[in-house]
């Protein structure tokens, strides 16, 4: 299951974008992280990197 971003918690810092080894995360026009479920490999690096715990794997 791909990573899920909680838009209420995301601060748009971009740490998850930098941590994703397959470039599955980008920032949308509202400066919030968005995960491409087709590219995400479920590694969890973004979950570990997010400073505000806005990303989960379920």
PDB file of N, CA and C in Angstrom:
ATOM      1  N   UNK A   1       0.845  -1.182   0.000  1.00  0.00           N
ATOM      2  CA  UNK A   1       0.000   0.000   0.000  1.00  0.00           C
ATOM      3  C   UNK A   1       0.888   1.243   0.000  1.00  0.00           C
ATOM      4  N   UNK A   2       0.653   2.165  -0.920  1.00  0.00           N
ATOM      5  CA  UNK A   2       1.494   3.362  -1.010  1.00  0.00           C
ATOM      6  C   UNK A   2       1.306   4.296   0.181  1.00  0.00           C
ATOM      7  N   UNK A   3       2.278   5.152   0.369  1.00  0.00           N
ATOM      8  CA  UNK A   3       2.235   6.140   1.442  1.00  0.00           C
ATOM      9  C   UNK A   3       1.035   7.077   1.247  1.00  0.00           C
ATOM     10  N   UNK A   4       0.511   7.538   2.372  1.00  0.00           N
ATOM     11  CA  UNK A   4      -0.636   8.453   2.367  1.00  0.00           C
ATOM     12  C   UNK A   4      -0.245   9.711   3.132  1.00  0.00           C
ATOM     13  N   UNK A   5      -0.532  10.868   2.551  1.00  0.00           N
ATOM     14  CA  UNK A   5      -0.221  12.142   3.185  1.00  0.00           C
ATOM     15  C   UNK A   5      -1.477  12.703   3.838  1.00  0.00           C
ATOM     16  N   UNK A   6      -1.373  13.051   5.109  1.00  0.00           N
ATOM     17  CA  UNK A   6      -2.457  13.721   5.822  1.00  0.00           C
ATOM     18  C   UNK A   6      -2.316  15.210   5.510  1.00  0.00           C
ATOM     19  N   UNK A   7      -3.207  15.728   4.688  1.00  0.00           N
ATOM     20  CA  UNK A   7      -3.113  17.117   4.237  1.00  0.00           C
ATOM     21  C   UNK A   7      -3.321  18.117   5.359  1.00  0.00           C
ATOM     22  N   UNK A   8      -3.977  17.700   6.429  1.00  0.00           N
ATOM     23  CA  UNK A   8      -4.172  18.593   7.571  1.00  0.00           C
ATOM     24  C   UNK A   8      -2.894  18.764   8.381  1.00  0.00           C
ATOM     25  N   UNK A   9      -1.992  17.787   8.300  1.00  0.00           N
ATOM     26  CA  UNK A   9      -0.744  17.856   9.062  1.00  0.00           C
ATOM     27  C   UNK A   9       0.455  18.306   8.238  1.00  0.00           C
ATOM     28  N   UNK A  10       0.414  18.102   6.919  1.00  0.00           N
ATOM     29  CA  UNK A  10       1.543  18.433   6.052  1.00  0.00           C
ATOM     30  C   UNK A  10       1.828  19.932   6.093  1.00  0.00           C
ATOM     31  N   UNK A  11       3.113  20.267   6.310  1.00  0.00           N
ATOM     32  CA  UNK A  11       3.529  21.668   6.354  1.00  0.00           C
ATOM     33  C   UNK A  11       4.210  22.118   5.069  1.00  0.00           C
ATOM     34  N   UNK A  12       4.394  21.182   4.125  1.00  0.00           N
ATOM     35  CA  UNK A  12       5.006  21.534   2.849  1.00  0.00           C
ATOM     36  C   UNK A  12       6.503  21.740   2.920  1.00  0.00           C
ATOM     37  N   UNK A  13       7.166  21.103   3.883  1.00  0.00           N
ATOM     38  CA  UNK A  13       8.608  21.313   4.045  1.00  0.00           C
ATOM     39  C   UNK A  13       9.439  20.671   2.937  1.00  0.00           C
ATOM     40  N   UNK A  14       8.902  19.624   2.297  1.00  0.00           N
ATOM     41  CA  UNK A  14       9.600  18.981   1.193  1.00  0.00           C
ATOM     42  C   UNK A  14      10.597  17.910   1.598  1.00  0.00           C
ATOM     43  N   UNK A  15      10.730  17.614   2.877  1.00  0.00           N
ATOM     44  CA  UNK A  15      11.684  16.599   3.321  1.00  0.00           C
ATOM     45  C   UNK A  15      11.382  15.238   2.700  1.00  0.00           C
ATOM     46  N   UNK A  16      10.114  14.927   2.558  1.00  0.00           N
ATOM     47  CA  UNK A  16       9.722  13.637   1.985  1.00  0.00           C
ATOM     48  C   UNK A  16      10.095  13.538   0.508  1.00  0.00           C
ATOM     49  N   UNK A  17      10.008  14.642  -0.193  1.00  0.00           N
ATOM     50  CA  UNK A  17      10.372  14.660  -1.615  1.00  0.00           C
ATOM     51  C   UNK A  17      11.834  14.283  -1.763  1.00  0.00           C
ATOM     52  N   UNK A  18      12.676  14.871  -0.924  1.00  0.00           N
ATOM     53  CA  UNK A  18      14.113  14.604  -0.979  1.00  0.00           C
ATOM     54  C   UNK A  18      14.452  13.185  -0.539  1.00  0.00           C
ATOM     55  N   UNK A  19      13.642  12.603   0.337  1.00  0.00           N
ATOM     56  CA  UNK A  19      13.964  11.276   0.881  1.00  0.00           C
ATOM     57  C   UNK A  19      13.482  10.125   0.010  1.00  0.00           C
ATOM     58  N   UNK A  20      12.586  10.382  -0.916  1.00  0.00           N
ATOM     59  CA  UNK A  20      11.997   9.307  -1.720  1.00  0.00           C
ATOM     60  C   UNK A  20      12.991   8.793  -2.763  1.00  0.00           C
ATOM     61  N   UNK A  21      13.362   7.513  -2.668  1.00  0.00           N
ATOM     62  CA  UNK A  21      14.361   6.973  -3.599  1.00  0.00           C
ATOM     63  C   UNK A  21      13.847   6.768  -5.021  1.00  0.00           C
ATOM     64  N   UNK A  22      12.531   6.779  -5.222  1.00  0.00           N
ATOM     65  CA  UNK A  22      11.973   6.572  -6.563  1.00  0.00           C
ATOM     66  C   UNK A  22      11.235   7.801  -7.088  1.00  0.00           C
ATOM     67  N   UNK A  23      11.389   8.930  -6.404  1.00  0.00           N
ATOM     68  CA  UNK A  23      10.779  10.199  -6.819  1.00  0.00           C
ATOM     69  C   UNK A  23       9.270  10.081  -6.989  1.00  0.00           C
ATOM     70  N   UNK A  24       8.620   9.400  -6.026  1.00  0.00           N
ATOM     71  CA  UNK A  24       7.167   9.217  -6.083  1.00  0.00           C
ATOM     72  C   UNK A  24       6.407  10.346  -5.405  1.00  0.00           C
ATOM     73  N   UNK A  25       7.125  11.270  -4.776  1.00  0.00           N
ATOM     74  CA  UNK A  25       6.466  12.359  -4.042  1.00  0.00           C
ATOM     75  C   UNK A  25       6.811  13.691  -4.693  1.00  0.00           C
ATOM     76  N   UNK A  26       5.785  14.515  -4.835  1.00  0.00           N
ATOM     77  CA  UNK A  26       5.975  15.862  -5.362  1.00  0.00           C
ATOM     78  C   UNK A  26       5.140  16.815  -4.514  1.00  0.00           C
ATOM     79  N   UNK A  27       5.314  18.094  -4.773  1.00  0.00           N
ATOM     80  CA  UNK A  27       4.528  19.100  -4.068  1.00  0.00           C
ATOM     81  C   UNK A  27       3.454  19.621  -5.025  1.00  0.00           C
ATOM     82  N   UNK A  28       2.230  19.761  -4.521  1.00  0.00           N
ATOM     83  CA  UNK A  28       1.161  20.268  -5.381  1.00  0.00           C
ATOM     84  C   UNK A  28       1.138  21.791  -5.358  1.00  0.00           C
ATOM     85  N   UNK A  29       0.166  22.390  -6.011  1.00  0.00           N
ATOM     86  CA  UNK A  29       0.103  23.846  -6.106  1.00  0.00           C
ATOM     87  C   UNK A  29      -0.242  24.519  -4.783  1.00  0.00           C
ATOM     88  N   UNK A  30      -0.613  23.738  -3.793  1.00  0.00           N
ATOM     89  CA  UNK A  30      -0.886  24.280  -2.457  1.00  0.00           C
ATOM     90  C   UNK A  30       0.277  23.999  -1.508  1.00  0.00           C
ATOM     91  N   UNK A  31       1.420  23.601  -2.077  1.00  0.00           N
ATOM     92  CA  UNK A  31       2.629  23.272  -1.317  1.00  0.00           C
ATOM     93  C   UNK A  31       2.410  22.146  -0.311  1.00  0.00           C
ATOM     94  N   UNK A  32       1.649  21.142  -0.723  1.00  0.00           N
ATOM     95  CA  UNK A  32       1.447  19.949   0.080  1.00  0.00           C
ATOM     96  C   UNK A  32       2.007  18.753  -0.677  1.00  0.00           C
ATOM     97  N   UNK A  33       2.528  17.786   0.079  1.00  0.00           N
ATOM     98  CA  UNK A  33       3.093  16.588  -0.535  1.00  0.00           C
ATOM     99  C   UNK A  33       2.011  15.720  -1.146  1.00  0.00           C
ATOM    100  N   UNK A  34       2.319  15.153  -2.312  1.00  0.00           N
ATOM    101  CA  UNK A  34       1.404  14.244  -3.011  1.00  0.00           C
ATOM    102  C   UNK A  34       2.211  13.024  -3.423  1.00  0.00           C
ATOM    103  N   UNK A  35       1.671  11.838  -3.132  1.00  0.00           N
ATOM    104  CA  UNK A  35       2.346  10.588  -3.468  1.00  0.00           C
ATOM    105  C   UNK A  35       1.715   9.987  -4.720  1.00  0.00           C
ATOM    106  N   UNK A  36       2.551   9.616  -5.678  1.00  0.00           N
ATOM    107  CA  UNK A  36       2.082   8.904  -6.869  1.00  0.00           C
ATOM    108  C   UNK A  36       2.025   7.419  -6.504  1.00  0.00           C
ATOM    109  N   UNK A  37       0.824   6.864  -6.342  1.00  0.00           N
ATOM    110  CA  UNK A  37       0.698   5.474  -5.898  1.00  0.00           C
ATOM    111  C   UNK A  37       1.267   4.459  -6.880  1.00  0.00           C
ATOM    112  N   UNK A  38       1.352   4.825  -8.142  1.00  0.00           N
ATOM    113  CA  UNK A  38       1.895   3.911  -9.148  1.00  0.00           C
ATOM    114  C   UNK A  38       3.423   3.828  -9.089  1.00  0.00           C
ATOM    115  N   UNK A  39       4.052   4.850  -8.540  1.00  0.00           N
ATOM    116  CA  UNK A  39       5.512   4.898  -8.457  1.00  0.00           C
ATOM    117  C   UNK A  39       6.023   4.476  -7.077  1.00  0.00           C
ATOM    118  N   UNK A  40       5.238   4.715  -6.048  1.00  0.00           N
ATOM    119  CA  UNK A  40       5.632   4.405  -4.669  1.00  0.00           C
ATOM    120  C   UNK A  40       5.940   2.913  -4.521  1.00  0.00           C
ATOM    121  N   UNK A  41       7.075   2.611  -3.871  1.00  0.00           N
ATOM    122  CA  UNK A  41       7.490   1.219  -3.663  1.00  0.00           C
ATOM    123  C   UNK A  41       7.316   0.779  -2.205  1.00  0.00           C
ATOM    124  N   UNK A  42       6.581   1.543  -1.441  1.00  0.00           N
ATOM    125  CA  UNK A  42       6.239   1.197  -0.049  1.00  0.00           C
ATOM    126  C   UNK A  42       7.457   1.023   0.854  1.00  0.00           C
ATOM    127  N   UNK A  43       8.496   1.813   0.652  1.00  0.00           N
ATOM    128  CA  UNK A  43       9.718   1.656   1.444  1.00  0.00           C
ATOM    129  C   UNK A  43       9.612   2.300   2.825  1.00  0.00           C
ATOM    130  N   UNK A  44       8.785   3.333   2.963  1.00  0.00           N
ATOM    131  CA  UNK A  44       8.598   3.996   4.247  1.00  0.00           C
ATOM    132  C   UNK A  44       9.612   5.068   4.578  1.00  0.00           C
ATOM    133  N   UNK A  45      10.533   5.367   3.666  1.00  0.00           N
ATOM    134  CA  UNK A  45      11.525   6.408   3.940  1.00  0.00           C
ATOM    135  C   UNK A  45      10.857   7.752   4.248  1.00  0.00           C
ATOM    136  N   UNK A  46       9.804   8.074   3.537  1.00  0.00           N
ATOM    137  CA  UNK A  46       9.109   9.343   3.747  1.00  0.00           C
ATOM    138  C   UNK A  46       8.458   9.402   5.130  1.00  0.00           C
ATOM    139  N   UNK A  47       7.935   8.263   5.587  1.00  0.00           N
ATOM    140  CA  UNK A  47       7.309   8.196   6.911  1.00  0.00           C
ATOM    141  C   UNK A  47       8.343   8.518   7.982  1.00  0.00           C
ATOM    142  N   UNK A  48       9.524   7.928   7.840  1.00  0.00           N
ATOM    143  CA  UNK A  48      10.593   8.149   8.805  1.00  0.00           C
ATOM    144  C   UNK A  48      11.145   9.568   8.748  1.00  0.00           C
ATOM    145  N   UNK A  49      11.075  10.192   7.590  1.00  0.00           N
ATOM    146  CA  UNK A  49      11.661  11.516   7.385  1.00  0.00           C
ATOM    147  C   UNK A  49      10.734  12.655   7.795  1.00  0.00           C
ATOM    148  N   UNK A  50       9.444  12.478   7.666  1.00  0.00           N
ATOM    149  CA  UNK A  50       8.496  13.572   7.911  1.00  0.00           C
ATOM    150  C   UNK A  50       8.595  14.078   9.353  1.00  0.00           C
ATOM    151  N   UNK A  51       8.917  15.373   9.525  1.00  0.00           N
ATOM    152  CA  UNK A  51       9.094  15.910  10.874  1.00  0.00           C
ATOM    153  C   UNK A  51       7.786  16.122  11.645  1.00  0.00           C
ATOM    154  N   UNK A  52       6.653  16.069  10.946  1.00  0.00           N
ATOM    155  CA  UNK A  52       5.372  16.307  11.624  1.00  0.00           C
ATOM    156  C   UNK A  52       4.451  15.084  11.567  1.00  0.00           C
ATOM    157  N   UNK A  53       5.009  13.931  11.196  1.00  0.00           N
ATOM    158  CA  UNK A  53       4.250  12.678  11.139  1.00  0.00           C
ATOM    159  C   UNK A  53       2.987  12.785  10.276  1.00  0.00           C
ATOM    160  N   UNK A  54       3.122  13.454   9.138  1.00  0.00           N
ATOM    161  CA  UNK A  54       1.981  13.637   8.234  1.00  0.00           C
ATOM    162  C   UNK A  54       1.848  12.526   7.212  1.00  0.00           C
ATOM    163  N   UNK A  55       2.778  11.566   7.204  1.00  0.00           N
ATOM    164  CA  UNK A  55       2.741  10.493   6.212  1.00  0.00           C
ATOM    165  C   UNK A  55       2.659   9.153   6.917  1.00  0.00           C
ATOM    166  N   UNK A  56       1.794   8.291   6.396  1.00  0.00           N
ATOM    167  CA  UNK A  56       1.659   6.949   6.953  1.00  0.00           C
ATOM    168  C   UNK A  56       1.610   5.943   5.806  1.00  0.00           C
ATOM    169  N   UNK A  57       1.742   4.693   6.172  1.00  0.00           N
ATOM    170  CA  UNK A  57       1.695   3.624   5.162  1.00  0.00           C
ATOM    171  C   UNK A  57       0.343   2.902   5.162  1.00  0.00           C
ATOM    172  N   UNK A  58      -0.637   3.437   5.875  1.00  0.00           N
ATOM    173  CA  UNK A  58      -1.960   2.792   5.870  1.00  0.00           C
ATOM    174  C   UNK A  58      -3.064   3.804   5.817  1.00  0.00           C
TER     175      UNK A  58
END
